[in-house]
Amino acid sequence: MNTAWRKPGAFQALLNVAAFQVGWFACVLGGSLIGAVVAAVILTLHLRWLARPHEWRWIAGFAALGLIVDGSLALAGGFDFGAQPLVLGVLPLWLWLLWPLFATLLHHSLDWLWRRPWLAMLGGATSGPSSYFAGAHLADVTLAPWLLPVQAIVWALLCLALCRCLGGETPGPTDTRH
């Protein structure tokens, strides 16, 4: 793990976004096997070279949150994954992996957003459902008509919660809040 954390510059922030996008496409277009390999590489490199101390907790927490949120929505009939293999009988691995990949953005390329609650909520309410909509079309997943409005609410509230947790001053290398 990176022991000498420093605030990333523009290059690191762009690299962070690019790595997430590569992971997103690998998961959505490549499916669970390719997505798992690419996500493992991205998460390992992130934790090694970019992560703040204890950031692995956020990544693990988002992995659990993704299973709870998307798993619940899947059990409620929000997704039809066809014949895709499912983790714990509820989600394909590729969809679940998007959650820890998203968590790699929290303290880096999205760090600026958490001090702007209304913008974060608007971004969550639009970007979250847009990602599900695009991913569903690319991965041949059918979405229930009610799912995207529910996702808009879920992601708006999630981003508001992130503002409350992460919206303070940027922590220094000895700060262990995150």
Protein backbone atom coordinates (compact mmCIF):
# COMPACT_ATOMS: atom_id res chain seq x y z
CA MET A 1 0.00 0.00 0.00
CA ASN A 2 1.13 3.52 -0.72
CA THR A 3 2.66 4.88 2.47
CA ALA A 4 3.54 8.37 1.23
CA TRP A 5 0.15 9.65 0.12
CA ARG A 6 0.01 13.05 -1.50
CA LYS A 7 -2.81 14.87 -3.23
CA PRO A 8 -2.87 13.72 -6.84
CA GLY A 9 -2.35 16.20 -9.62
CA ALA A 10 -4.20 16.49 -12.89
CA PHE A 11 -2.29 13.60 -14.46
CA GLN A 12 -3.13 11.24 -11.60
CA ALA A 13 -6.79 12.32 -11.67
CA LEU A 14 -7.00 11.68 -15.42
CA LEU A 15 -5.26 8.33 -15.00
CA ASN A 16 -7.76 7.50 -12.25
CA VAL A 17 -10.73 8.27 -14.52
CA ALA A 18 -9.16 6.43 -17.46
CA ALA A 19 -8.53 3.33 -15.33
CA PHE A 20 -12.15 3.35 -14.17
CA GLN A 21 -13.40 3.67 -17.75
CA VAL A 22 -11.18 0.81 -18.91
CA GLY A 23 -12.58 -1.27 -16.04
CA TRP A 24 -16.16 -0.26 -16.86
CA PHE A 25 -15.80 -1.28 -20.51
CA ALA A 26 -13.96 -4.49 -19.62
CA CYS A 27 -16.76 -5.48 -17.24
CA VAL A 28 -19.68 -4.45 -19.44
CA LEU A 29 -18.31 -5.64 -22.79
CA GLY A 30 -16.01 -8.42 -21.62
CA GLY A 31 -18.28 -10.04 -19.08
CA SER A 32 -17.38 -11.57 -15.77
CA LEU A 33 -14.11 -13.32 -16.63
CA ILE A 34 -12.46 -10.45 -18.50
CA GLY A 35 -14.01 -7.94 -16.10
CA ALA A 36 -12.61 -9.81 -13.09
CA VAL A 37 -9.08 -9.90 -14.51
CA VAL A 38 -9.08 -6.23 -15.55
CA ALA A 39 -10.74 -5.08 -12.31
CA ALA A 40 -8.19 -7.05 -10.25
CA VAL A 41 -5.32 -5.38 -12.11
CA ILE A 42 -6.85 -1.90 -11.76
CA LEU A 43 -7.66 -2.33 -8.07
CA THR A 44 -4.20 -3.75 -7.32
CA LEU A 45 -2.43 -0.92 -9.15
CA HIS A 46 -4.71 1.65 -7.53
CA LEU A 47 -4.02 0.35 -4.04
CA ARG A 48 -0.29 0.15 -4.74
CA TRP A 49 0.29 3.58 -6.30
CA LEU A 50 -2.59 5.94 -5.76
CA ALA A 51 -4.65 4.94 -2.74
CA ARG A 52 -4.68 6.87 0.50
CA PRO A 53 -3.95 5.02 3.73
CA HIS A 54 -6.92 2.80 4.60
CA GLU A 55 -8.65 3.49 1.28
CA TRP A 56 -9.06 -0.27 0.86
CA ARG A 57 -11.86 0.04 3.42
CA TRP A 58 -13.85 2.24 1.05
CA ILE A 59 -13.27 -0.19 -1.81
CA ALA A 60 -14.38 -3.15 0.31
CA GLY A 61 -17.34 -1.16 1.62
CA PHE A 62 -18.49 -0.30 -1.87
CA ALA A 63 -18.14 -3.94 -2.90
CA ALA A 64 -20.53 -4.83 -0.06
CA LEU A 65 -22.82 -1.88 -0.84
CA GLY A 66 -23.04 -2.91 -4.49
CA LEU A 67 -24.08 -6.40 -3.55
CA ILE A 68 -26.76 -4.98 -1.23
CA VAL A 69 -28.09 -2.25 -3.56
CA ASP A 70 -27.94 -3.97 -6.93
CA GLY A 71 -28.68 -7.35 -5.35
CA SER A 72 -31.85 -5.96 -3.78
CA LEU A 73 -32.90 -4.32 -7.02
CA ALA A 74 -32.23 -7.57 -8.90
CA LEU A 75 -34.29 -9.57 -6.38
CA ALA A 76 -37.09 -7.02 -6.82
CA GLY A 77 -37.09 -7.73 -10.57
CA GLY A 78 -35.21 -4.64 -11.73
CA PHE A 79 -32.78 -6.56 -13.94
CA ASP A 80 -33.15 -9.49 -16.30
CA PHE A 81 -29.68 -10.93 -16.88
CA GLY A 82 -30.86 -13.74 -19.12
CA ALA A 83 -28.63 -16.82 -18.80
CA GLN A 84 -25.61 -14.99 -17.31
CA PRO A 85 -24.05 -16.69 -14.27
CA LEU A 86 -24.88 -14.85 -11.04
CA VAL A 87 -22.86 -14.22 -7.85
CA LEU A 88 -24.84 -15.50 -4.87
CA GLY A 89 -27.71 -16.03 -7.28
CA VAL A 90 -28.43 -12.32 -7.72
CA LEU A 91 -25.85 -10.45 -9.84
CA PRO A 92 -23.34 -11.16 -12.57
CA LEU A 93 -19.79 -10.67 -11.31
CA TRP A 94 -19.12 -7.98 -13.92
CA LEU A 95 -21.91 -5.75 -12.55
CA TRP A 96 -20.84 -6.22 -8.95
CA LEU A 97 -17.20 -5.32 -9.82
CA LEU A 98 -18.28 -1.88 -11.01
CA TRP A 99 -18.88 -0.85 -7.38
CA PRO A 100 -15.32 -1.27 -6.07
CA LEU A 101 -14.05 0.25 -9.32
CA PHE A 102 -16.26 3.30 -8.68
CA ALA A 103 -14.82 3.53 -5.16
CA THR A 104 -11.37 4.16 -6.66
CA LEU A 105 -12.69 7.55 -7.83
CA LEU A 106 -13.93 8.79 -4.45
CA HIS A 107 -10.72 10.24 -3.02
CA HIS A 108 -9.11 11.15 -6.31
CA SER A 109 -10.84 12.33 -9.48
CA LEU A 110 -14.16 12.93 -7.68
CA ASP A 111 -12.64 14.46 -4.54
CA TRP A 112 -13.64 17.99 -5.58
CA LEU A 113 -17.31 16.97 -5.94
CA TRP A 114 -17.95 16.05 -2.31
CA ARG A 115 -17.81 19.72 -1.23
CA ARG A 116 -20.70 20.54 -3.60
CA PRO A 117 -23.77 18.59 -2.38
CA TRP A 118 -26.29 19.81 -4.95
CA LEU A 119 -23.92 19.17 -7.82
CA ALA A 120 -23.03 15.76 -6.40
CA MET A 121 -26.69 14.82 -6.04
CA LEU A 122 -27.45 16.00 -9.57
CA GLY A 123 -24.44 14.11 -10.89
CA GLY A 124 -25.47 10.96 -9.06
CA ALA A 125 -29.10 11.25 -10.18
CA THR A 126 -28.05 11.53 -13.84
CA SER A 127 -24.75 9.66 -14.15
CA GLY A 128 -25.76 6.60 -12.13
CA PRO A 129 -28.85 5.74 -14.19
CA SER A 130 -27.05 6.70 -17.43
CA SER A 131 -24.32 4.19 -16.64
CA TYR A 132 -26.88 1.46 -15.97
CA PHE A 133 -28.79 2.33 -19.14
CA ALA A 134 -25.67 2.23 -21.34
CA GLY A 135 -24.30 -0.87 -19.63
CA ALA A 136 -27.59 -2.71 -19.99
CA HIS A 137 -27.70 -2.06 -23.73
CA LEU A 138 -24.09 -3.13 -24.21
CA ALA A 139 -24.35 -6.24 -22.01
CA ASP A 140 -27.78 -7.38 -23.21
CA VAL A 141 -29.47 -6.84 -19.85
CA THR A 142 -33.13 -5.87 -19.68
CA LEU A 143 -34.09 -3.20 -17.15
CA ALA A 144 -37.53 -2.92 -15.56
CA PRO A 145 -39.28 0.38 -16.41
CA TRP A 146 -39.10 1.51 -12.78
CA LEU A 147 -35.38 0.76 -12.31
CA LEU A 148 -33.79 3.93 -13.72
CA PRO A 149 -35.93 6.33 -11.64
CA VAL A 150 -35.10 4.26 -8.54
CA GLN A 151 -31.41 4.31 -9.49
CA ALA A 152 -31.61 8.11 -9.81
CA ILE A 153 -32.86 8.37 -6.24
CA VAL A 154 -30.36 5.80 -4.93
CA TRP A 155 -27.37 7.50 -6.54
CA ALA A 156 -28.50 11.02 -5.56
CA LEU A 157 -28.78 9.90 -1.93
CA LEU A 158 -25.51 7.98 -2.11
CA CYS A 159 -23.71 11.06 -3.43
CA LEU A 160 -25.29 13.20 -0.70
CA ALA A 161 -24.02 10.72 1.89
CA LEU A 162 -20.57 10.88 0.32
CA CYS A 163 -20.67 14.67 0.61
CA ARG A 164 -21.36 14.33 4.31
CA CYS A 165 -18.56 11.77 4.79
CA LEU A 166 -15.92 13.20 2.46
CA GLY A 167 -16.85 16.84 1.98
CA GLY A 168 -14.56 18.31 4.63
CA GLU A 169 -11.00 19.39 4.23
CA THR A 170 -8.74 17.12 2.21
CA PRO A 171 -6.92 14.95 4.75
CA GLY A 172 -3.18 14.95 5.03
CA PRO A 173 -0.93 11.88 5.12
CA THR A 174 -1.51 11.25 8.85
CA ASP A 175 -5.29 11.65 8.76
CA THR A 176 -6.93 8.23 9.20
CA ARG A 177 -10.58 9.30 8.86
CA HIS A 178 -10.82 7.64 5.46
